[in-house]
Amino acid sequence: MAPFIVLIGAFLVLVGLVVLVVPQAMRQTLKVFLHRKWVPAASLIRIVLGLVLIFGASATRLPTFVLGFGVLVVIAGIAIPFIGFERIERLVHFWIRQSDAVLRLWSVAVIGLGSVLVWSAV
């Protein structure tokens, strides 16, 4: 399972780097997902990724961190259908309206999180 955690972490690093360099890419991507048809997919993806983190946590250098992050991701995935599309839409619009500086700051956090996942699973 550790290789999958490396892949998840590397994906987060990649997304963070793209947003750091081109914040508009995040806005464009979020606009694509502003359709009800993506809600079940977003939920399922989060649940699957969270379960990978949970089941692979013991094979990492930071099992408690990876386990905790996995639990949060699963909870977020389960919560998505209950949140409702209107609230999701408001959240997406909140992020679309943020300045480039704010998006870049968050991208640094995502890069850090992804880097910790990669390091812990290598």
PDB file of N, CA and C in Angstrom:
ATOM      1  N   MET A   1       0.800  -1.201   0.000  1.00  0.00           N
ATOM      2  CA  MET A   1       0.000   0.000   0.000  1.00  0.00           C
ATOM      3  C   MET A   1       0.846   1.270   0.000  1.00  0.00           C
ATOM      4  N   ALA A   2       2.063   1.181   0.487  1.00  0.00           N
ATOM      5  CA  ALA A   2       2.919   2.367   0.545  1.00  0.00           C
ATOM      6  C   ALA A   2       3.123   3.007  -0.832  1.00  0.00           C
ATOM      7  N   PRO A   3       3.292   2.239  -1.899  1.00  0.00           N
ATOM      8  CA  PRO A   3       3.438   2.884  -3.215  1.00  0.00           C
ATOM      9  C   PRO A   3       2.218   3.733  -3.598  1.00  0.00           C
ATOM     10  N   PHE A   4       1.029   3.307  -3.182  1.00  0.00           N
ATOM     11  CA  PHE A   4      -0.164   4.095  -3.474  1.00  0.00           C
ATOM     12  C   PHE A   4      -0.174   5.393  -2.677  1.00  0.00           C
ATOM     13  N   ILE A   5       0.344   5.341  -1.464  1.00  0.00           N
ATOM     14  CA  ILE A   5       0.441   6.560  -0.655  1.00  0.00           C
ATOM     15  C   ILE A   5       1.436   7.520  -1.294  1.00  0.00           C
ATOM     16  N   VAL A   6       2.526   6.968  -1.831  1.00  0.00           N
ATOM     17  CA  VAL A   6       3.488   7.806  -2.564  1.00  0.00           C
ATOM     18  C   VAL A   6       2.795   8.472  -3.748  1.00  0.00           C
ATOM     19  N   LEU A   7       1.989   7.720  -4.466  1.00  0.00           N
ATOM     20  CA  LEU A   7       1.272   8.289  -5.618  1.00  0.00           C
ATOM     21  C   LEU A   7       0.299   9.383  -5.199  1.00  0.00           C
ATOM     22  N   ILE A   8      -0.421   9.170  -4.112  1.00  0.00           N
ATOM     23  CA  ILE A   8      -1.345  10.193  -3.615  1.00  0.00           C
ATOM     24  C   ILE A   8      -0.572  11.447  -3.238  1.00  0.00           C
ATOM     25  N   GLY A   9       0.525  11.268  -2.514  1.00  0.00           N
ATOM     26  CA  GLY A   9       1.351  12.410  -2.124  1.00  0.00           C
ATOM     27  C   GLY A   9       1.942  13.131  -3.323  1.00  0.00           C
ATOM     28  N   ALA A  10       2.440  12.367  -4.292  1.00  0.00           N
ATOM     29  CA  ALA A  10       3.014  12.977  -5.499  1.00  0.00           C
ATOM     30  C   ALA A  10       1.955  13.744  -6.281  1.00  0.00           C
ATOM     31  N   PHE A  11       0.734  13.212  -6.322  1.00  0.00           N
ATOM     32  CA  PHE A  11      -0.354  13.917  -7.002  1.00  0.00           C
ATOM     33  C   PHE A  11      -0.645  15.236  -6.297  1.00  0.00           C
ATOM     34  N   LEU A  12      -0.670  15.223  -4.970  1.00  0.00           N
ATOM     35  CA  LEU A  12      -0.896  16.467  -4.222  1.00  0.00           C
ATOM     36  C   LEU A  12       0.209  17.482  -4.490  1.00  0.00           C
ATOM     37  N   VAL A  13       1.451  17.007  -4.517  1.00  0.00           N
ATOM     38  CA  VAL A  13       2.576  17.906  -4.823  1.00  0.00           C
ATOM     39  C   VAL A  13       2.401  18.500  -6.215  1.00  0.00           C
ATOM     40  N   LEU A  14       2.051  17.668  -7.181  1.00  0.00           N
ATOM     41  CA  LEU A  14       1.866  18.136  -8.555  1.00  0.00           C
ATOM     42  C   LEU A  14       0.749  19.171  -8.643  1.00  0.00           C
ATOM     43  N   VAL A  15      -0.381  18.889  -8.022  1.00  0.00           N
ATOM     44  CA  VAL A  15      -1.493  19.844  -8.026  1.00  0.00           C
ATOM     45  C   VAL A  15      -1.060  21.153  -7.363  1.00  0.00           C
ATOM     46  N   GLY A  16      -0.381  21.045  -6.244  1.00  0.00           N
ATOM     47  CA  GLY A  16       0.096  22.243  -5.551  1.00  0.00           C
ATOM     48  C   GLY A  16       1.040  23.063  -6.407  1.00  0.00           C
ATOM     49  N   LEU A  17       1.943  22.399  -7.117  1.00  0.00           N
ATOM     50  CA  LEU A  17       2.887  23.114  -7.987  1.00  0.00           C
ATOM     51  C   LEU A  17       2.164  23.808  -9.137  1.00  0.00           C
ATOM     52  N   VAL A  18       1.188  23.134  -9.718  1.00  0.00           N
ATOM     53  CA  VAL A  18       0.429  23.745 -10.816  1.00  0.00           C
ATOM     54  C   VAL A  18      -0.295  24.990 -10.316  1.00  0.00           C
ATOM     55  N   VAL A  19      -0.950  24.903  -9.178  1.00  0.00           N
ATOM     56  CA  VAL A  19      -1.674  26.057  -8.635  1.00  0.00           C
ATOM     57  C   VAL A  19      -0.703  27.162  -8.233  1.00  0.00           C
ATOM     58  N   LEU A  20       0.449  26.794  -7.713  1.00  0.00           N
ATOM     59  CA  LEU A  20       1.459  27.781  -7.352  1.00  0.00           C
ATOM     60  C   LEU A  20       1.900  28.596  -8.562  1.00  0.00           C
ATOM     61  N   VAL A  21       2.099  27.926  -9.683  1.00  0.00           N
ATOM     62  CA  VAL A  21       2.575  28.587 -10.901  1.00  0.00           C
ATOM     63  C   VAL A  21       1.430  29.240 -11.676  1.00  0.00           C
ATOM     64  N   VAL A  22       0.283  28.534 -11.753  1.00  0.00           N
ATOM     65  CA  VAL A  22      -0.852  29.028 -12.551  1.00  0.00           C
ATOM     66  C   VAL A  22      -2.128  28.918 -11.708  1.00  0.00           C
ATOM     67  N   PRO A  23      -2.384  29.875 -10.813  1.00  0.00           N
ATOM     68  CA  PRO A  23      -3.578  29.792  -9.960  1.00  0.00           C
ATOM     69  C   PRO A  23      -4.881  29.704 -10.762  1.00  0.00           C
ATOM     70  N   GLN A  24      -4.886  30.275 -11.944  1.00  0.00           N
ATOM     71  CA  GLN A  24      -6.089  30.233 -12.779  1.00  0.00           C
ATOM     72  C   GLN A  24      -6.468  28.791 -13.138  1.00  0.00           C
ATOM     73  N   ALA A  25      -5.499  27.900 -13.151  1.00  0.00           N
ATOM     74  CA  ALA A  25      -5.779  26.494 -13.459  1.00  0.00           C
ATOM     75  C   ALA A  25      -6.734  25.897 -12.433  1.00  0.00           C
ATOM     76  N   MET A  26      -6.595  26.298 -11.171  1.00  0.00           N
ATOM     77  CA  MET A  26      -7.498  25.801 -10.137  1.00  0.00           C
ATOM     78  C   MET A  26      -8.904  26.326 -10.375  1.00  0.00           C
ATOM     79  N   ARG A  27      -9.011  27.587 -10.712  1.00  0.00           N
ATOM     80  CA  ARG A  27     -10.328  28.162 -10.968  1.00  0.00           C
ATOM     81  C   ARG A  27     -11.017  27.460 -12.135  1.00  0.00           C
ATOM     82  N   GLN A  28     -10.264  27.215 -13.189  1.00  0.00           N
ATOM     83  CA  GLN A  28     -10.842  26.540 -14.358  1.00  0.00           C
ATOM     84  C   GLN A  28     -11.278  25.119 -14.014  1.00  0.00           C
ATOM     85  N   THR A  29     -10.451  24.422 -13.263  1.00  0.00           N
ATOM     86  CA  THR A  29     -10.779  23.051 -12.880  1.00  0.00           C
ATOM     87  C   THR A  29     -12.014  23.020 -11.990  1.00  0.00           C
ATOM     88  N   LEU A  30     -12.103  23.945 -11.048  1.00  0.00           N
ATOM     89  CA  LEU A  30     -13.274  23.991 -10.166  1.00  0.00           C
ATOM     90  C   LEU A  30     -14.549  24.255 -10.957  1.00  0.00           C
ATOM     91  N   LYS A  31     -14.474  25.109 -11.962  1.00  0.00           N
ATOM     92  CA  LYS A  31     -15.656  25.398 -12.781  1.00  0.00           C
ATOM     93  C   LYS A  31     -16.153  24.148 -13.499  1.00  0.00           C
ATOM     94  N   VAL A  32     -15.233  23.297 -13.915  1.00  0.00           N
ATOM     95  CA  VAL A  32     -15.613  22.052 -14.588  1.00  0.00           C
ATOM     96  C   VAL A  32     -16.431  21.171 -13.646  1.00  0.00           C
ATOM     97  N   PHE A  33     -16.076  21.180 -12.373  1.00  0.00           N
ATOM     98  CA  PHE A  33     -16.734  20.311 -11.409  1.00  0.00           C
ATOM     99  C   PHE A  33     -17.993  20.916 -10.799  1.00  0.00           C
ATOM    100  N   LEU A  34     -18.453  22.048 -11.343  1.00  0.00           N
ATOM    101  CA  LEU A  34     -19.683  22.670 -10.852  1.00  0.00           C
ATOM    102  C   LEU A  34     -20.919  22.072 -11.522  1.00  0.00           C
ATOM    103  N   HIS A  35     -20.979  20.765 -11.547  1.00  0.00           N
ATOM    104  CA  HIS A  35     -22.128  20.058 -12.099  1.00  0.00           C
ATOM    105  C   HIS A  35     -22.504  18.942 -11.140  1.00  0.00           C
ATOM    106  N   ARG A  36     -23.780  18.757 -10.964  1.00  0.00           N
ATOM    107  CA  ARG A  36     -24.264  17.729 -10.032  1.00  0.00           C
ATOM    108  C   ARG A  36     -23.729  16.331 -10.353  1.00  0.00           C
ATOM    109  N   LYS A  37     -23.434  16.073 -11.601  1.00  0.00           N
ATOM    110  CA  LYS A  37     -22.987  14.728 -11.979  1.00  0.00           C
ATOM    111  C   LYS A  37     -21.650  14.365 -11.343  1.00  0.00           C
ATOM    112  N   TRP A  38     -20.864  15.357 -10.924  1.00  0.00           N
ATOM    113  CA  TRP A  38     -19.548  15.092 -10.340  1.00  0.00           C
ATOM    114  C   TRP A  38     -19.606  14.805  -8.849  1.00  0.00           C
ATOM    115  N   VAL A  39     -20.727  15.099  -8.194  1.00  0.00           N
ATOM    116  CA  VAL A  39     -20.815  14.924  -6.740  1.00  0.00           C
ATOM    117  C   VAL A  39     -20.586  13.476  -6.317  1.00  0.00           C
ATOM    118  N   PRO A  40     -21.261  12.494  -6.921  1.00  0.00           N
ATOM    119  CA  PRO A  40     -20.989  11.108  -6.506  1.00  0.00           C
ATOM    120  C   PRO A  40     -19.546  10.685  -6.779  1.00  0.00           C
ATOM    121  N   ALA A  41     -18.988  11.133  -7.893  1.00  0.00           N
ATOM    122  CA  ALA A  41     -17.603  10.774  -8.215  1.00  0.00           C
ATOM    123  C   ALA A  41     -16.649  11.373  -7.195  1.00  0.00           C
ATOM    124  N   ALA A  42     -16.859  12.638  -6.828  1.00  0.00           N
ATOM    125  CA  ALA A  42     -15.997  13.295  -5.835  1.00  0.00           C
ATOM    126  C   ALA A  42     -16.074  12.557  -4.499  1.00  0.00           C
ATOM    127  N   SER A  43     -17.266  12.154  -4.132  1.00  0.00           N
ATOM    128  CA  SER A  43     -17.457  11.421  -2.886  1.00  0.00           C
ATOM    129  C   SER A  43     -16.730  10.080  -2.924  1.00  0.00           C
ATOM    130  N   LEU A  44     -16.936   9.333  -3.988  1.00  0.00           N
ATOM    131  CA  LEU A  44     -16.313   8.015  -4.119  1.00  0.00           C
ATOM    132  C   LEU A  44     -14.789   8.099  -4.158  1.00  0.00           C
ATOM    133  N   ILE A  45     -14.265   9.064  -4.892  1.00  0.00           N
ATOM    134  CA  ILE A  45     -12.808   9.235  -4.976  1.00  0.00           C
ATOM    135  C   ILE A  45     -12.220   9.510  -3.597  1.00  0.00           C
ATOM    136  N   ARG A  46     -12.851  10.395  -2.847  1.00  0.00           N
ATOM    137  CA  ARG A  46     -12.340  10.695  -1.504  1.00  0.00           C
ATOM    138  C   ARG A  46     -12.387   9.467  -0.596  1.00  0.00           C
ATOM    139  N   ILE A  47     -13.474   8.738  -0.660  1.00  0.00           N
ATOM    140  CA  ILE A  47     -13.589   7.551   0.194  1.00  0.00           C
ATOM    141  C   ILE A  47     -12.510   6.531  -0.165  1.00  0.00           C
ATOM    142  N   VAL A  48     -12.314   6.284  -1.441  1.00  0.00           N
ATOM    143  CA  VAL A  48     -11.304   5.308  -1.869  1.00  0.00           C
ATOM    144  C   VAL A  48      -9.906   5.770  -1.463  1.00  0.00           C
ATOM    145  N   LEU A  49      -9.578   7.031  -1.734  1.00  0.00           N
ATOM    146  CA  LEU A  49      -8.249   7.533  -1.364  1.00  0.00           C
ATOM    147  C   LEU A  49      -8.048   7.486   0.153  1.00  0.00           C
ATOM    148  N   GLY A  50      -9.078   7.843   0.906  1.00  0.00           N
ATOM    149  CA  GLY A  50      -8.981   7.781   2.361  1.00  0.00           C
ATOM    150  C   GLY A  50      -8.752   6.368   2.865  1.00  0.00           C
ATOM    151  N   LEU A  51      -9.441   5.408   2.258  1.00  0.00           N
ATOM    152  CA  LEU A  51      -9.250   4.010   2.662  1.00  0.00           C
ATOM    153  C   LEU A  51      -7.844   3.519   2.328  1.00  0.00           C
ATOM    154  N   VAL A  52      -7.312   3.955   1.193  1.00  0.00           N
ATOM    155  CA  VAL A  52      -5.925   3.600   0.852  1.00  0.00           C
ATOM    156  C   VAL A  52      -4.990   4.139   1.925  1.00  0.00           C
ATOM    157  N   LEU A  53      -5.196   5.374   2.336  1.00  0.00           N
ATOM    158  CA  LEU A  53      -4.349   5.960   3.380  1.00  0.00           C
ATOM    159  C   LEU A  53      -4.510   5.207   4.702  1.00  0.00           C
ATOM    160  N   ILE A  54      -5.738   4.884   5.056  1.00  0.00           N
ATOM    161  CA  ILE A  54      -5.990   4.173   6.321  1.00  0.00           C
ATOM    162  C   ILE A  54      -5.317   2.799   6.322  1.00  0.00           C
ATOM    163  N   PHE A  55      -5.543   2.024   5.265  1.00  0.00           N
ATOM    164  CA  PHE A  55      -5.001   0.669   5.237  1.00  0.00           C
ATOM    165  C   PHE A  55      -3.493   0.633   5.005  1.00  0.00           C
ATOM    166  N   GLY A  56      -2.951   1.685   4.429  1.00  0.00           N
ATOM    167  CA  GLY A  56      -1.516   1.728   4.197  1.00  0.00           C
ATOM    168  C   GLY A  56      -0.735   2.453   5.269  1.00  0.00           C
ATOM    169  N   ALA A  57      -1.415   3.041   6.223  1.00  0.00           N
ATOM    170  CA  ALA A  57      -0.756   3.855   7.246  1.00  0.00           C
ATOM    171  C   ALA A  57       0.317   3.101   8.016  1.00  0.00           C
ATOM    172  N   SER A  58       0.065   1.858   8.322  1.00  0.00           N
ATOM    173  CA  SER A  58       1.026   1.094   9.138  1.00  0.00           C
ATOM    174  C   SER A  58       2.351   0.865   8.416  1.00  0.00           C
ATOM    175  N   ALA A  59       2.369   1.015   7.105  1.00  0.00           N
ATOM    176  CA  ALA A  59       3.602   0.802   6.339  1.00  0.00           C
ATOM    177  C   ALA A  59       4.392   2.098   6.150  1.00  0.00           C
ATOM    178  N   THR A  60       4.014   3.156   6.866  1.00  0.00           N
ATOM    179  CA  THR A  60       4.684   4.446   6.696  1.00  0.00           C
ATOM    180  C   THR A  60       5.490   4.821   7.931  1.00  0.00           C
ATOM    181  N   ARG A  61       6.283   5.880   7.784  1.00  0.00           N
ATOM    182  CA  ARG A  61       7.075   6.391   8.916  1.00  0.00           C
ATOM    183  C   ARG A  61       6.210   7.173   9.906  1.00  0.00           C
ATOM    184  N   LEU A  62       5.067   7.666   9.441  1.00  0.00           N
ATOM    185  CA  LEU A  62       4.170   8.455  10.280  1.00  0.00           C
ATOM    186  C   LEU A  62       2.776   7.835  10.266  1.00  0.00           C
ATOM    187  N   PRO A  63       2.635   6.642  10.832  1.00  0.00           N
ATOM    188  CA  PRO A  63       1.349   5.953  10.723  1.00  0.00           C
ATOM    189  C   PRO A  63       0.174   6.713  11.335  1.00  0.00           C
ATOM    190  N   THR A  64       0.388   7.388  12.441  1.00  0.00           N
ATOM    191  CA  THR A  64      -0.707   8.119  13.075  1.00  0.00           C
ATOM    192  C   THR A  64      -1.163   9.287  12.205  1.00  0.00           C
ATOM    193  N   PHE A  65      -0.209  10.007  11.635  1.00  0.00           N
ATOM    194  CA  PHE A  65      -0.530  11.121  10.752  1.00  0.00           C
ATOM    195  C   PHE A  65      -1.284  10.641   9.521  1.00  0.00           C
ATOM    196  N   VAL A  66      -0.767   9.611   8.867  1.00  0.00           N
ATOM    197  CA  VAL A  66      -1.388   9.093   7.642  1.00  0.00           C
ATOM    198  C   VAL A  66      -2.764   8.517   7.956  1.00  0.00           C
ATOM    199  N   LEU A  67      -2.886   7.802   9.055  1.00  0.00           N
ATOM    200  CA  LEU A  67      -4.172   7.256   9.473  1.00  0.00           C
ATOM    201  C   LEU A  67      -5.174   8.387   9.731  1.00  0.00           C
ATOM    202  N   GLY A  68      -4.755   9.393  10.473  1.00  0.00           N
ATOM    203  CA  GLY A  68      -5.636  10.532  10.770  1.00  0.00           C
ATOM    204  C   GLY A  68      -6.068  11.272   9.525  1.00  0.00           C
ATOM    205  N   PHE A  69      -5.137  11.480   8.616  1.00  0.00           N
ATOM    206  CA  PHE A  69      -5.466  12.149   7.361  1.00  0.00           C
ATOM    207  C   PHE A  69      -6.433  11.282   6.550  1.00  0.00           C
ATOM    208  N   GLY A  70      -6.198   9.994   6.528  1.00  0.00           N
ATOM    209  CA  GLY A  70      -7.093   9.079   5.820  1.00  0.00           C
ATOM    210  C   GLY A  70      -8.506   9.110   6.387  1.00  0.00           C
ATOM    211  N   VAL A  71      -8.615   9.129   7.701  1.00  0.00           N
ATOM    212  CA  VAL A  71      -9.934   9.196   8.346  1.00  0.00           C
ATOM    213  C   VAL A  71     -10.643  10.492   7.950  1.00  0.00           C
ATOM    214  N   LEU A  72      -9.913  11.606   7.965  1.00  0.00           N
ATOM    215  CA  LEU A  72     -10.514  12.883   7.559  1.00  0.00           C
ATOM    216  C   LEU A  72     -10.993  12.856   6.111  1.00  0.00           C
ATOM    217  N   VAL A  73     -10.210  12.241   5.242  1.00  0.00           N
ATOM    218  CA  VAL A  73     -10.580  12.165   3.822  1.00  0.00           C
ATOM    219  C   VAL A  73     -11.829  11.301   3.650  1.00  0.00           C
ATOM    220  N   VAL A  74     -11.910  10.186   4.364  1.00  0.00           N
ATOM    221  CA  VAL A  74     -13.105   9.327   4.291  1.00  0.00           C
ATOM    222  C   VAL A  74     -14.332  10.076   4.815  1.00  0.00           C
ATOM    223  N   ILE A  75     -14.180  10.754   5.938  1.00  0.00           N
ATOM    224  CA  ILE A  75     -15.301  11.518   6.501  1.00  0.00           C
ATOM    225  C   ILE A  75     -15.762  12.581   5.506  1.00  0.00           C
ATOM    226  N   ALA A  76     -14.809  13.261   4.867  1.00  0.00           N
ATOM    227  CA  ALA A  76     -15.167  14.266   3.861  1.00  0.00           C
ATOM    228  C   ALA A  76     -15.915  13.624   2.700  1.00  0.00           C
ATOM    229  N   GLY A  77     -15.486  12.448   2.284  1.00  0.00           N
ATOM    230  CA  GLY A  77     -16.152  11.755   1.185  1.00  0.00           C
ATOM    231  C   GLY A  77     -17.568  11.334   1.548  1.00  0.00           C
ATOM    232  N   ILE A  78     -17.741  10.863   2.762  1.00  0.00           N
ATOM    233  CA  ILE A  78     -19.073  10.462   3.213  1.00  0.00           C
ATOM    234  C   ILE A  78     -19.973  11.686   3.371  1.00  0.00           C
ATOM    235  N   ALA A  79     -19.402  12.795   3.797  1.00  0.00           N
ATOM    236  CA  ALA A  79     -20.193  14.009   4.055  1.00  0.00           C
ATOM    237  C   ALA A  79     -20.670  14.692   2.781  1.00  0.00           C
ATOM    238  N   ILE A  80     -19.951  14.533   1.679  1.00  0.00           N
ATOM    239  CA  ILE A  80     -20.283  15.260   0.449  1.00  0.00           C
ATOM    240  C   ILE A  80     -21.756  15.124   0.056  1.00  0.00           C
ATOM    241  N   PRO A  81     -22.309  13.929  -0.018  1.00  0.00           N
ATOM    242  CA  PRO A  81     -23.725  13.843  -0.424  1.00  0.00           C
ATOM    243  C   PRO A  81     -24.684  14.511   0.565  1.00  0.00           C
ATOM    244  N   PHE A  82     -24.296  14.541   1.838  1.00  0.00           N
ATOM    245  CA  PHE A  82     -25.167  15.125   2.855  1.00  0.00           C
ATOM    246  C   PHE A  82     -25.062  16.654   2.911  1.00  0.00           C
ATOM    247  N   ILE A  83     -23.968  17.186   2.423  1.00  0.00           N
ATOM    248  CA  ILE A  83     -23.771  18.630   2.433  1.00  0.00           C
ATOM    249  C   ILE A  83     -24.760  19.309   1.498  1.00  0.00           C
ATOM    250  N   GLY A  84     -25.002  18.680   0.377  1.00  0.00           N
ATOM    251  CA  GLY A  84     -25.925  19.247  -0.603  1.00  0.00           C
ATOM    252  C   GLY A  84     -25.188  20.045  -1.660  1.00  0.00           C
ATOM    253  N   PHE A  85     -25.733  19.989  -2.862  1.00  0.00           N
ATOM    254  CA  PHE A  85     -25.063  20.634  -3.994  1.00  0.00           C
ATOM    255  C   PHE A  85     -24.988  22.149  -3.826  1.00  0.00           C
ATOM    256  N   GLU A  86     -25.996  22.759  -3.229  1.00  0.00           N
ATOM    257  CA  GLU A  86     -25.991  24.221  -3.085  1.00  0.00           C
ATOM    258  C   GLU A  86     -24.817  24.679  -2.217  1.00  0.00           C
ATOM    259  N   ARG A  87     -24.566  23.971  -1.133  1.00  0.00           N
ATOM    260  CA  ARG A  87     -23.430  24.345  -0.270  1.00  0.00           C
ATOM    261  C   ARG A  87     -22.102  24.075  -0.967  1.00  0.00           C
ATOM    262  N   ILE A  88     -22.031  22.974  -1.688  1.00  0.00           N
ATOM    263  CA  ILE A  88     -20.811  22.673  -2.444  1.00  0.00           C
ATOM    264  C   ILE A  88     -20.563  23.776  -3.462  1.00  0.00           C
ATOM    265  N   GLU A  89     -21.623  24.194  -4.124  1.00  0.00           N
ATOM    266  CA  GLU A  89     -21.518  25.261  -5.124  1.00  0.00           C
ATOM    267  C   GLU A  89     -21.017  26.558  -4.486  1.00  0.00           C
ATOM    268  N   ARG A  90     -21.528  26.893  -3.311  1.00  0.00           N
ATOM    269  CA  ARG A  90     -21.060  28.102  -2.610  1.00  0.00           C
ATOM    270  C   ARG A  90     -19.590  27.982  -2.235  1.00  0.00           C
ATOM    271  N   LEU A  91     -19.174  26.799  -1.795  1.00  0.00           N
ATOM    272  CA  LEU A  91     -17.775  26.579  -1.433  1.00  0.00           C
ATOM    273  C   LEU A  91     -16.866  26.722  -2.653  1.00  0.00           C
ATOM    274  N   VAL A  92     -17.282  26.143  -3.768  1.00  0.00           N
ATOM    275  CA  VAL A  92     -16.492  26.254  -5.000  1.00  0.00           C
ATOM    276  C   VAL A  92     -16.379  27.709  -5.422  1.00  0.00           C
ATOM    277  N   HIS A  93     -17.494  28.440  -5.365  1.00  0.00           N
ATOM    278  CA  HIS A  93     -17.448  29.861  -5.737  1.00  0.00           C
ATOM    279  C   HIS A  93     -16.569  30.667  -4.778  1.00  0.00           C
ATOM    280  N   PHE A  94     -16.553  30.279  -3.513  1.00  0.00           N
ATOM    281  CA  PHE A  94     -15.660  30.931  -2.550  1.00  0.00           C
ATOM    282  C   PHE A  94     -14.208  30.816  -3.016  1.00  0.00           C
ATOM    283  N   TRP A  95     -13.801  29.596  -3.415  1.00  0.00           N
ATOM    284  CA  TRP A  95     -12.416  29.382  -3.854  1.00  0.00           C
ATOM    285  C   TRP A  95     -12.139  30.069  -5.183  1.00  0.00           C
ATOM    286  N   ILE A  96     -13.106  30.105  -6.069  1.00  0.00           N
ATOM    287  CA  ILE A  96     -12.912  30.769  -7.364  1.00  0.00           C
ATOM    288  C   ILE A  96     -12.666  32.260  -7.169  1.00  0.00           C
ATOM    289  N   ARG A  97     -13.312  32.852  -6.165  1.00  0.00           N
ATOM    290  CA  ARG A  97     -13.182  34.301  -5.915  1.00  0.00           C
ATOM    291  C   ARG A  97     -11.896  34.687  -5.193  1.00  0.00           C
ATOM    292  N   GLN A  98     -11.158  33.725  -4.674  1.00  0.00           N
ATOM    293  CA  GLN A  98      -9.950  34.055  -3.915  1.00  0.00           C
ATOM    294  C   GLN A  98      -8.874  34.635  -4.827  1.00  0.00           C
ATOM    295  N   SER A  99      -8.030  35.473  -4.235  1.00  0.00           N
ATOM    296  CA  SER A  99      -6.938  36.081  -4.994  1.00  0.00           C
ATOM    297  C   SER A  99      -5.876  35.039  -5.329  1.00  0.00           C
ATOM    298  N   ASP A 100      -5.035  35.373  -6.291  1.00  0.00           N
ATOM    299  CA  ASP A 100      -3.929  34.481  -6.646  1.00  0.00           C
ATOM    300  C   ASP A 100      -3.033  34.213  -5.439  1.00  0.00           C
ATOM    301  N   ALA A 101      -2.808  35.247  -4.624  1.00  0.00           N
ATOM    302  CA  ALA A 101      -1.936  35.093  -3.462  1.00  0.00           C
ATOM    303  C   ALA A 101      -2.503  34.061  -2.482  1.00  0.00           C
ATOM    304  N   VAL A 102      -3.801  34.099  -2.246  1.00  0.00           N
ATOM    305  CA  VAL A 102      -4.426  33.144  -1.327  1.00  0.00           C
ATOM    306  C   VAL A 102      -4.330  31.724  -1.895  1.00  0.00           C
ATOM    307  N   LEU A 103      -4.615  31.581  -3.182  1.00  0.00           N
ATOM    308  CA  LEU A 103      -4.521  30.252  -3.802  1.00  0.00           C
ATOM    309  C   LEU A 103      -3.092  29.730  -3.758  1.00  0.00           C
ATOM    310  N   ARG A 104      -2.133  30.609  -3.978  1.00  0.00           N
ATOM    311  CA  ARG A 104      -0.722  30.190  -3.916  1.00  0.00           C
ATOM    312  C   ARG A 104      -0.330  29.783  -2.498  1.00  0.00           C
ATOM    313  N   LEU A 105      -0.822  30.514  -1.514  1.00  0.00           N
ATOM    314  CA  LEU A 105      -0.522  30.166  -0.121  1.00  0.00           C
ATOM    315  C   LEU A 105      -1.068  28.776   0.214  1.00  0.00           C
ATOM    316  N   TRP A 106      -2.300  28.500  -0.186  1.00  0.00           N
ATOM    317  CA  TRP A 106      -2.872  27.181   0.043  1.00  0.00           C
ATOM    318  C   TRP A 106      -2.136  26.112  -0.751  1.00  0.00           C
ATOM    319  N   SER A 107      -1.655  26.469  -1.932  1.00  0.00           N
ATOM    320  CA  SER A 107      -0.921  25.473  -2.728  1.00  0.00           C
ATOM    321  C   SER A 107       0.363  25.062  -2.027  1.00  0.00           C
ATOM    322  N   VAL A 108       0.976  25.984  -1.315  1.00  0.00           N
ATOM    323  CA  VAL A 108       2.183  25.643  -0.549  1.00  0.00           C
ATOM    324  C   VAL A 108       1.835  24.624   0.543  1.00  0.00           C
ATOM    325  N   ALA A 109       0.680  24.807   1.177  1.00  0.00           N
ATOM    326  CA  ALA A 109       0.238  23.845   2.190  1.00  0.00           C
ATOM    327  C   ALA A 109      -0.012  22.473   1.566  1.00  0.00           C
ATOM    328  N   VAL A 110      -0.602  22.447   0.372  1.00  0.00           N
ATOM    329  CA  VAL A 110      -0.867  21.186  -0.315  1.00  0.00           C
ATOM    330  C   VAL A 110       0.445  20.511  -0.706  1.00  0.00           C
ATOM    331  N   ILE A 111       1.403  21.303  -1.169  1.00  0.00           N
ATOM    332  CA  ILE A 111       2.727  20.757  -1.508  1.00  0.00           C
ATOM    333  C   ILE A 111       3.370  20.156  -0.259  1.00  0.00           C
ATOM    334  N   GLY A 112       3.249  20.850   0.860  1.00  0.00           N
ATOM    335  CA  GLY A 112       3.802  20.333   2.117  1.00  0.00           C
ATOM    336  C   GLY A 112       3.129  19.036   2.538  1.00  0.00           C
ATOM    337  N   LEU A 113       1.829  18.972   2.464  1.00  0.00           N
ATOM    338  CA  LEU A 113       1.104  17.765   2.828  1.00  0.00           C
ATOM    339  C   LEU A 113       1.496  16.603   1.924  1.00  0.00           C
ATOM    340  N   GLY A 114       1.525  16.863   0.627  1.00  0.00           N
ATOM    341  CA  GLY A 114       1.924  15.818  -0.320  1.00  0.00           C
ATOM    342  C   GLY A 114       3.344  15.347  -0.080  1.00  0.00           C
ATOM    343  N   SER A 115       4.224  16.287   0.229  1.00  0.00           N
ATOM    344  CA  SER A 115       5.626  15.938   0.485  1.00  0.00           C
ATOM    345  C   SER A 115       5.761  15.057   1.725  1.00  0.00           C
ATOM    346  N   VAL A 116       5.003  15.372   2.761  1.00  0.00           N
ATOM    347  CA  VAL A 116       5.038  14.556   3.978  1.00  0.00           C
ATOM    348  C   VAL A 116       4.530  13.143   3.673  1.00  0.00           C
ATOM    349  N   LEU A 117       3.461  13.037   2.888  1.00  0.00           N
ATOM    350  CA  LEU A 117       2.968  11.712   2.520  1.00  0.00           C
ATOM    351  C   LEU A 117       4.012  10.913   1.746  1.00  0.00           C
ATOM    352  N   VAL A 118       4.639  11.575   0.770  1.00  0.00           N
ATOM    353  CA  VAL A 118       5.673  10.888  -0.026  1.00  0.00           C
ATOM    354  C   VAL A 118       6.811  10.447   0.890  1.00  0.00           C
ATOM    355  N   TRP A 119       7.333  11.366   1.686  1.00  0.00           N
ATOM    356  CA  TRP A 119       8.462  11.054   2.570  1.00  0.00           C
ATOM    357  C   TRP A 119       8.104   9.912   3.529  1.00  0.00           C
ATOM    358  N   SER A 120       6.887   9.961   4.066  1.00  0.00           N
ATOM    359  CA  SER A 120       6.524   8.950   5.061  1.00  0.00           C
ATOM    360  C   SER A 120       6.381   7.552   4.453  1.00  0.00           C
ATOM    361  N   ALA A 121       6.091   7.498   3.154  1.00  0.00           N
ATOM    362  CA  ALA A 121       5.843   6.190   2.525  1.00  0.00           C
ATOM    363  C   ALA A 121       7.016   5.658   1.726  1.00  0.00           C
ATOM    364  N   VAL A 122       8.085   6.450   1.610  1.00  0.00           N
ATOM    365  CA  VAL A 122       9.253   5.998   0.821  1.00  0.00           C
ATOM    366  C   VAL A 122      10.141   5.131   1.687  1.00  0.00           C
TER     367      VAL A 122
END
